Amino acid sequence: MLIEKIKGLQLKKPIEVIITKLYTVENTDLNLYGSGATKKEAIADFVFAVVDIYEDFLMADDGDFTNGGKEFKDKFLSYFN
């Protein structure tokens, strides 16, 4: 499929996209997503991302973050005990 306009903007050349049968899961509060060929794979991808971020945040000092990064870290960690 070719996309020739994006929100009324004319492109110099079309952008080709591939439409797939892909499942996605998302948490809009944290802006986190997972995807996979099945629902189970999409959830597993999401869980992998959450665990990866969690482990990174546990190892990082607050001084390593910008103000926005610190706010995201606090919001993210508010989901955990």
PDB file of N, CA and C in Angstrom:
ATOM      1  N   MET A   1       0.846  -1.164   0.000  1.00  0.00           N
ATOM      2  CA  MET A   1       0.000   0.000   0.000  1.00  0.00           C
ATOM      3  C   MET A   1       0.898   1.236   0.000  1.00  0.00           C
ATOM      4  N   LEU A   2       0.504   2.235  -0.737  1.00  0.00           N
ATOM      5  CA  LEU A   2       1.260   3.484  -0.792  1.00  0.00           C
ATOM      6  C   LEU A   2       0.474   4.600  -0.111  1.00  0.00           C
ATOM      7  N   ILE A   3       1.154   5.362   0.723  1.00  0.00           N
ATOM      8  CA  ILE A   3       0.551   6.538   1.349  1.00  0.00           C
ATOM      9  C   ILE A   3       1.079   7.754   0.602  1.00  0.00           C
ATOM     10  N   GLU A   4       0.162   8.541   0.062  1.00  0.00           N
ATOM     11  CA  GLU A   4       0.564   9.698  -0.738  1.00  0.00           C
ATOM     12  C   GLU A   4       0.352  11.016  -0.019  1.00  0.00           C
ATOM     13  N   LYS A   5      -0.521  11.036   0.974  1.00  0.00           N
ATOM     14  CA  LYS A   5      -0.763  12.242   1.767  1.00  0.00           C
ATOM     15  C   LYS A   5      -0.832  11.860   3.233  1.00  0.00           C
ATOM     16  N   ILE A   6      -0.319  12.735   4.068  1.00  0.00           N
ATOM     17  CA  ILE A   6      -0.397  12.539   5.505  1.00  0.00           C
ATOM     18  C   ILE A   6      -1.018  13.792   6.097  1.00  0.00           C
ATOM     19  N   LYS A   7      -2.239  13.648   6.603  1.00  0.00           N
ATOM     20  CA  LYS A   7      -2.971  14.772   7.196  1.00  0.00           C
ATOM     21  C   LYS A   7      -2.939  15.998   6.301  1.00  0.00           C
ATOM     22  N   GLY A   8      -3.215  15.796   5.031  1.00  0.00           N
ATOM     23  CA  GLY A   8      -3.280  16.907   4.093  1.00  0.00           C
ATOM     24  C   GLY A   8      -1.939  17.378   3.564  1.00  0.00           C
ATOM     25  N   LEU A   9      -0.845  16.829   4.041  1.00  0.00           N
ATOM     26  CA  LEU A   9       0.488  17.204   3.556  1.00  0.00           C
ATOM     27  C   LEU A   9       0.820  16.380   2.323  1.00  0.00           C
ATOM     28  N   GLN A  10       1.241  17.024   1.284  1.00  0.00           N
ATOM     29  CA  GLN A  10       1.629  16.318   0.063  1.00  0.00           C
ATOM     30  C   GLN A  10       3.071  15.841   0.200  1.00  0.00           C
ATOM     31  N   LEU A  11       3.305  14.591  -0.052  1.00  0.00           N
ATOM     32  CA  LEU A  11       4.653  14.027  -0.003  1.00  0.00           C
ATOM     33  C   LEU A  11       5.326  14.175  -1.361  1.00  0.00           C
ATOM     34  N   LYS A  12       6.655  14.281  -1.362  1.00  0.00           N
ATOM     35  CA  LYS A  12       7.399  14.306  -2.628  1.00  0.00           C
ATOM     36  C   LYS A  12       7.307  12.959  -3.324  1.00  0.00           C
ATOM     37  N   LYS A  13       7.281  11.903  -2.525  1.00  0.00           N
ATOM     38  CA  LYS A  13       7.123  10.563  -3.079  1.00  0.00           C
ATOM     39  C   LYS A  13       6.314   9.743  -2.075  1.00  0.00           C
ATOM     40  N   PRO A  14       5.569   8.772  -2.542  1.00  0.00           N
ATOM     41  CA  PRO A  14       4.740   7.965  -1.645  1.00  0.00           C
ATOM     42  C   PRO A  14       5.601   7.162  -0.666  1.00  0.00           C
ATOM     43  N   ILE A  15       5.013   6.897   0.481  1.00  0.00           N
ATOM     44  CA  ILE A  15       5.650   6.043   1.478  1.00  0.00           C
ATOM     45  C   ILE A  15       4.954   4.690   1.419  1.00  0.00           C
ATOM     46  N   GLU A  16       5.731   3.654   1.159  1.00  0.00           N
ATOM     47  CA  GLU A  16       5.158   2.314   1.090  1.00  0.00           C
ATOM     48  C   GLU A  16       5.063   1.735   2.493  1.00  0.00           C
ATOM     49  N   VAL A  17       3.911   1.181   2.816  1.00  0.00           N
ATOM     50  CA  VAL A  17       3.719   0.520   4.101  1.00  0.00           C
ATOM     51  C   VAL A  17       3.203  -0.889   3.852  1.00  0.00           C
ATOM     52  N   ILE A  18       3.506  -1.752   4.774  1.00  0.00           N
ATOM     53  CA  ILE A  18       3.045  -3.131   4.698  1.00  0.00           C
ATOM     54  C   ILE A  18       2.005  -3.329   5.795  1.00  0.00           C
ATOM     55  N   ILE A  19       0.848  -3.797   5.423  1.00  0.00           N
ATOM     56  CA  ILE A  19      -0.202  -4.086   6.389  1.00  0.00           C
ATOM     57  C   ILE A  19      -0.015  -5.530   6.838  1.00  0.00           C
ATOM     58  N   THR A  20       0.157  -5.709   8.128  1.00  0.00           N
ATOM     59  CA  THR A  20       0.413  -7.045   8.661  1.00  0.00           C
ATOM     60  C   THR A  20      -0.723  -7.479   9.575  1.00  0.00           C
ATOM     61  N   LYS A  21      -0.746  -8.731   9.840  1.00  0.00           N
ATOM     62  CA  LYS A  21      -1.686  -9.277  10.818  1.00  0.00           C
ATOM     63  C   LYS A  21      -0.947  -9.339  12.148  1.00  0.00           C
ATOM     64  N   LEU A  22      -0.828  -8.183  12.775  1.00  0.00           N
ATOM     65  CA  LEU A  22      -0.036  -8.054  13.990  1.00  0.00           C
ATOM     66  C   LEU A  22      -0.933  -7.635  15.143  1.00  0.00           C
ATOM     67  N   TYR A  23      -0.794  -8.305  16.262  1.00  0.00           N
ATOM     68  CA  TYR A  23      -1.514  -7.921  17.467  1.00  0.00           C
ATOM     69  C   TYR A  23      -0.665  -6.914  18.227  1.00  0.00           C
ATOM     70  N   THR A  24      -1.323  -5.941  18.817  1.00  0.00           N
ATOM     71  CA  THR A  24      -0.615  -4.986  19.671  1.00  0.00           C
ATOM     72  C   THR A  24      -1.364  -4.843  20.986  1.00  0.00           C
ATOM     73  N   VAL A  25      -0.610  -4.615  22.034  1.00  0.00           N
ATOM     74  CA  VAL A  25      -1.163  -4.258  23.339  1.00  0.00           C
ATOM     75  C   VAL A  25      -0.487  -2.963  23.750  1.00  0.00           C
ATOM     76  N   GLU A  26      -1.195  -2.146  24.520  1.00  0.00           N
ATOM     77  CA  GLU A  26      -0.619  -0.863  24.887  1.00  0.00           C
ATOM     78  C   GLU A  26      -1.113  -0.401  26.240  1.00  0.00           C
ATOM     79  N   ASN A  27      -0.303   0.419  26.871  1.00  0.00           N
ATOM     80  CA  ASN A  27      -0.698   1.162  28.052  1.00  0.00           C
ATOM     81  C   ASN A  27      -0.445   2.616  27.717  1.00  0.00           C
ATOM     82  N   THR A  28      -1.525   3.369  27.512  1.00  0.00           N
ATOM     83  CA  THR A  28      -1.367   4.755  27.070  1.00  0.00           C
ATOM     84  C   THR A  28      -0.835   5.655  28.176  1.00  0.00           C
ATOM     85  N   ASP A  29      -1.078   5.309  29.437  1.00  0.00           N
ATOM     86  CA  ASP A  29      -0.565   6.119  30.538  1.00  0.00           C
ATOM     87  C   ASP A  29       0.959   6.144  30.529  1.00  0.00           C
ATOM     88  N   LEU A  30       1.558   4.998  30.254  1.00  0.00           N
ATOM     89  CA  LEU A  30       3.023   4.901  30.222  1.00  0.00           C
ATOM     90  C   LEU A  30       3.584   4.979  28.808  1.00  0.00           C
ATOM     91  N   ASN A  31       2.693   4.994  27.830  1.00  0.00           N
ATOM     92  CA  ASN A  31       3.107   5.024  26.423  1.00  0.00           C
ATOM     93  C   ASN A  31       4.000   3.822  26.087  1.00  0.00           C
ATOM     94  N   LEU A  32       3.585   2.653  26.563  1.00  0.00           N
ATOM     95  CA  LEU A  32       4.322   1.417  26.309  1.00  0.00           C
ATOM     96  C   LEU A  32       3.473   0.487  25.453  1.00  0.00           C
ATOM     97  N   TYR A  33       4.145  -0.239  24.579  1.00  0.00           N
ATOM     98  CA  TYR A  33       3.469  -1.100  23.618  1.00  0.00           C
ATOM     99  C   TYR A  33       4.176  -2.444  23.521  1.00  0.00           C
ATOM    100  N   GLY A  34       3.432  -3.434  23.087  1.00  0.00           N
ATOM    101  CA  GLY A  34       3.993  -4.727  22.745  1.00  0.00           C
ATOM    102  C   GLY A  34       3.302  -5.213  21.487  1.00  0.00           C
ATOM    103  N   SER A  35       3.979  -6.026  20.711  1.00  0.00           N
ATOM    104  CA  SER A  35       3.376  -6.544  19.486  1.00  0.00           C
ATOM    105  C   SER A  35       3.846  -7.966  19.235  1.00  0.00           C
ATOM    106  N   GLY A  36       3.042  -8.688  18.480  1.00  0.00           N
ATOM    107  CA  GLY A  36       3.393 -10.056  18.139  1.00  0.00           C
ATOM    108  C   GLY A  36       2.395 -10.644  17.160  1.00  0.00           C
ATOM    109  N   ALA A  37       2.717 -11.816  16.658  1.00  0.00           N
ATOM    110  CA  ALA A  37       1.858 -12.494  15.688  1.00  0.00           C
ATOM    111  C   ALA A  37       0.588 -13.040  16.340  1.00  0.00           C
ATOM    112  N   THR A  38       0.627 -13.208  17.671  1.00  0.00           N
ATOM    113  CA  THR A  38      -0.543 -13.662  18.425  1.00  0.00           C
ATOM    114  C   THR A  38      -0.735 -12.740  19.626  1.00  0.00           C
ATOM    115  N   LYS A  39      -1.902 -12.832  20.248  1.00  0.00           N
ATOM    116  CA  LYS A  39      -2.136 -12.040  21.463  1.00  0.00           C
ATOM    117  C   LYS A  39      -1.119 -12.405  22.535  1.00  0.00           C
ATOM    118  N   LYS A  40      -0.847 -13.698  22.660  1.00  0.00           N
ATOM    119  CA  LYS A  40       0.106 -14.169  23.667  1.00  0.00           C
ATOM    120  C   LYS A  40       1.494 -13.571  23.419  1.00  0.00           C
ATOM    121  N   GLU A  41       1.932 -13.535  22.173  1.00  0.00           N
ATOM    122  CA  GLU A  41       3.238 -12.954  21.842  1.00  0.00           C
ATOM    123  C   GLU A  41       3.251 -11.453  22.097  1.00  0.00           C
ATOM    124  N   ALA A  42       2.146 -10.777  21.806  1.00  0.00           N
ATOM    125  CA  ALA A  42       2.070  -9.334  22.035  1.00  0.00           C
ATOM    126  C   ALA A  42       2.178  -9.022  23.522  1.00  0.00           C
ATOM    127  N   ILE A  43       1.488  -9.806  24.343  1.00  0.00           N
ATOM    128  CA  ILE A  43       1.565  -9.609  25.791  1.00  0.00           C
ATOM    129  C   ILE A  43       2.963  -9.920  26.294  1.00  0.00           C
ATOM    130  N   ALA A  44       3.570 -10.982  25.791  1.00  0.00           N
ATOM    131  CA  ALA A  44       4.936 -11.335  26.193  1.00  0.00           C
ATOM    132  C   ALA A  44       5.915 -10.228  25.821  1.00  0.00           C
ATOM    133  N   ASP A  45       5.744  -9.622  24.661  1.00  0.00           N
ATOM    134  CA  ASP A  45       6.603  -8.520  24.230  1.00  0.00           C
ATOM    135  C   ASP A  45       6.432  -7.323  25.160  1.00  0.00           C
ATOM    136  N   PHE A  46       5.190  -7.029  25.528  1.00  0.00           N
ATOM    137  CA  PHE A  46       4.905  -5.933  26.448  1.00  0.00           C
ATOM    138  C   PHE A  46       5.547  -6.199  27.811  1.00  0.00           C
ATOM    139  N   VAL A  47       5.358  -7.407  28.326  1.00  0.00           N
ATOM    140  CA  VAL A  47       5.923  -7.773  29.627  1.00  0.00           C
ATOM    141  C   VAL A  47       7.442  -7.678  29.592  1.00  0.00           C
ATOM    142  N   PHE A  48       8.058  -8.131  28.507  1.00  0.00           N
ATOM    143  CA  PHE A  48       9.513  -8.031  28.369  1.00  0.00           C
ATOM    144  C   PHE A  48       9.959  -6.576  28.478  1.00  0.00           C
ATOM    145  N   ALA A  49       9.247  -5.676  27.792  1.00  0.00           N
ATOM    146  CA  ALA A  49       9.598  -4.252  27.829  1.00  0.00           C
ATOM    147  C   ALA A  49       9.457  -3.694  29.237  1.00  0.00           C
ATOM    148  N   VAL A  50       8.377  -4.052  29.926  1.00  0.00           N
ATOM    149  CA  VAL A  50       8.154  -3.559  31.288  1.00  0.00           C
ATOM    150  C   VAL A  50       9.265  -4.037  32.216  1.00  0.00           C
ATOM    151  N   VAL A  51       9.602  -5.307  32.150  1.00  0.00           N
ATOM    152  CA  VAL A  51      10.661  -5.861  33.004  1.00  0.00           C
ATOM    153  C   VAL A  51      11.999  -5.202  32.686  1.00  0.00           C
ATOM    154  N   ASP A  52      12.295  -5.009  31.415  1.00  0.00           N
ATOM    155  CA  ASP A  52      13.550  -4.378  31.005  1.00  0.00           C
ATOM    156  C   ASP A  52      13.652  -2.953  31.558  1.00  0.00           C
ATOM    157  N   ILE A  53      12.587  -2.191  31.425  1.00  0.00           N
ATOM    158  CA  ILE A  53      12.585  -0.817  31.944  1.00  0.00           C
ATOM    159  C   ILE A  53      12.707  -0.833  33.461  1.00  0.00           C
ATOM    160  N   TYR A  54      11.971  -1.714  34.117  1.00  0.00           N
ATOM    161  CA  TYR A  54      12.018  -1.824  35.572  1.00  0.00           C
ATOM    162  C   TYR A  54      13.447  -2.094  36.051  1.00  0.00           C
ATOM    163  N   GLU A  55      14.109  -3.058  35.436  1.00  0.00           N
ATOM    164  CA  GLU A  55      15.481  -3.386  35.831  1.00  0.00           C
ATOM    165  C   GLU A  55      16.424  -2.218  35.579  1.00  0.00           C
ATOM    166  N   ASP A  56      16.256  -1.518  34.464  1.00  0.00           N
ATOM    167  CA  ASP A  56      17.090  -0.348  34.179  1.00  0.00           C
ATOM    168  C   ASP A  56      16.884   0.737  35.223  1.00  0.00           C
ATOM    169  N   PHE A  57      15.637   0.976  35.611  1.00  0.00           N
ATOM    170  CA  PHE A  57      15.345   2.013  36.597  1.00  0.00           C
ATOM    171  C   PHE A  57      15.904   1.659  37.963  1.00  0.00           C
ATOM    172  N   LEU A  58      15.896   0.390  38.337  1.00  0.00           N
ATOM    173  CA  LEU A  58      16.432  -0.020  39.631  1.00  0.00           C
ATOM    174  C   LEU A  58      17.934   0.212  39.706  1.00  0.00           C
ATOM    175  N   MET A  59      18.626   0.094  38.580  1.00  0.00           N
ATOM    176  CA  MET A  59      20.081   0.246  38.555  1.00  0.00           C
ATOM    177  C   MET A  59      20.515   1.697  38.377  1.00  0.00           C
ATOM    178  N   ALA A  60      19.625   2.572  37.958  1.00  0.00           N
ATOM    179  CA  ALA A  60      19.995   3.952  37.636  1.00  0.00           C
ATOM    180  C   ALA A  60      19.792   4.872  38.837  1.00  0.00           C
ATOM    181  N   ASP A  61      20.663   5.857  38.945  1.00  0.00           N
ATOM    182  CA  ASP A  61      20.517   6.899  39.956  1.00  0.00           C
ATOM    183  C   ASP A  61      19.600   7.991  39.423  1.00  0.00           C
ATOM    184  N   ASP A  62      18.852   8.635  40.316  1.00  0.00           N
ATOM    185  CA  ASP A  62      17.963   9.712  39.888  1.00  0.00           C
ATOM    186  C   ASP A  62      18.726  10.816  39.170  1.00  0.00           C
ATOM    187  N   GLY A  63      19.980  11.020  39.514  1.00  0.00           N
ATOM    188  CA  GLY A  63      20.795  12.042  38.867  1.00  0.00           C
ATOM    189  C   GLY A  63      21.087  11.746  37.407  1.00  0.00           C
ATOM    190  N   ASP A  64      20.829  10.516  36.982  1.00  0.00           N
ATOM    191  CA  ASP A  64      21.050  10.130  35.587  1.00  0.00           C
ATOM    192  C   ASP A  64      19.917  10.580  34.669  1.00  0.00           C
ATOM    193  N   PHE A  65      18.825  11.100  35.242  1.00  0.00           N
ATOM    194  CA  PHE A  65      17.633  11.422  34.470  1.00  0.00           C
ATOM    195  C   PHE A  65      17.423  12.924  34.333  1.00  0.00           C
ATOM    196  N   THR A  66      16.824  13.311  33.223  1.00  0.00           N
ATOM    197  CA  THR A  66      16.314  14.674  33.083  1.00  0.00           C
ATOM    198  C   THR A  66      15.076  14.773  33.972  1.00  0.00           C
ATOM    199  N   ASN A  67      14.532  15.969  34.109  1.00  0.00           N
ATOM    200  CA  ASN A  67      13.308  16.118  34.904  1.00  0.00           C
ATOM    201  C   ASN A  67      12.178  15.267  34.335  1.00  0.00           C
ATOM    202  N   GLY A  68      12.027  15.280  33.001  1.00  0.00           N
ATOM    203  CA  GLY A  68      10.987  14.469  32.368  1.00  0.00           C
ATOM    204  C   GLY A  68      11.224  12.983  32.570  1.00  0.00           C
ATOM    205  N   GLY A  69      12.484  12.578  32.497  1.00  0.00           N
ATOM    206  CA  GLY A  69      12.830  11.181  32.718  1.00  0.00           C
ATOM    207  C   GLY A  69      12.539  10.748  34.145  1.00  0.00           C
ATOM    208  N   LYS A  70      12.832  11.623  35.095  1.00  0.00           N
ATOM    209  CA  LYS A  70      12.557  11.335  36.509  1.00  0.00           C
ATOM    210  C   LYS A  70      11.052  11.224  36.733  1.00  0.00           C
ATOM    211  N   GLU A  71      10.275  12.104  36.098  1.00  0.00           N
ATOM    212  CA  GLU A  71       8.814  12.029  36.224  1.00  0.00           C
ATOM    213  C   GLU A  71       8.291  10.706  35.667  1.00  0.00           C
ATOM    214  N   PHE A  72       8.832  10.286  34.511  1.00  0.00           N
ATOM    215  CA  PHE A  72       8.403   9.013  33.936  1.00  0.00           C
ATOM    216  C   PHE A  72       8.803   7.857  34.845  1.00  0.00           C
ATOM    217  N   LYS A  73      10.015   7.904  35.386  1.00  0.00           N
ATOM    218  CA  LYS A  73      10.471   6.852  36.290  1.00  0.00           C
ATOM    219  C   LYS A  73       9.532   6.746  37.488  1.00  0.00           C
ATOM    220  N   ASP A  74       9.186   7.878  38.083  1.00  0.00           N
ATOM    221  CA  ASP A  74       8.288   7.867  39.239  1.00  0.00           C
ATOM    222  C   ASP A  74       6.913   7.313  38.869  1.00  0.00           C
ATOM    223  N   LYS A  75       6.385   7.732  37.719  1.00  0.00           N
ATOM    224  CA  LYS A  75       5.079   7.238  37.271  1.00  0.00           C
ATOM    225  C   LYS A  75       5.146   5.735  37.025  1.00  0.00           C
ATOM    226  N   PHE A  76       6.190   5.296  36.337  1.00  0.00           N
ATOM    227  CA  PHE A  76       6.359   3.878  36.019  1.00  0.00           C
ATOM    228  C   PHE A  76       6.448   3.049  37.297  1.00  0.00           C
ATOM    229  N   LEU A  77       7.292   3.479  38.233  1.00  0.00           N
ATOM    230  CA  LEU A  77       7.493   2.707  39.455  1.00  0.00           C
ATOM    231  C   LEU A  77       6.282   2.749  40.378  1.00  0.00           C
ATOM    232  N   SER A  78       5.364   3.697  40.162  1.00  0.00           N
ATOM    233  CA  SER A  78       4.150   3.746  40.988  1.00  0.00           C
ATOM    234  C   SER A  78       3.253   2.530  40.743  1.00  0.00           C
ATOM    235  N   TYR A  79       3.500   1.794  39.681  1.00  0.00           N
ATOM    236  CA  TYR A  79       2.733   0.585  39.388  1.00  0.00           C
ATOM    237  C   TYR A  79       3.226  -0.625  40.188  1.00  0.00           C
ATOM    238  N   PHE A  80       4.352  -0.496  40.866  1.00  0.00           N
ATOM    239  CA  PHE A  80       4.968  -1.627  41.558  1.00  0.00           C
ATOM    240  C   PHE A  80       4.994  -1.400  43.064  1.00  0.00           C
ATOM    241  N   ASN A  81       5.008  -2.516  43.821  1.00  0.00           N
ATOM    242  CA  ASN A  81       5.124  -2.442  45.286  1.00  0.00           C
ATOM    243  C   ASN A  81       6.532  -2.111  45.686  1.00  0.00           C
TER     244      ASN A  81
END
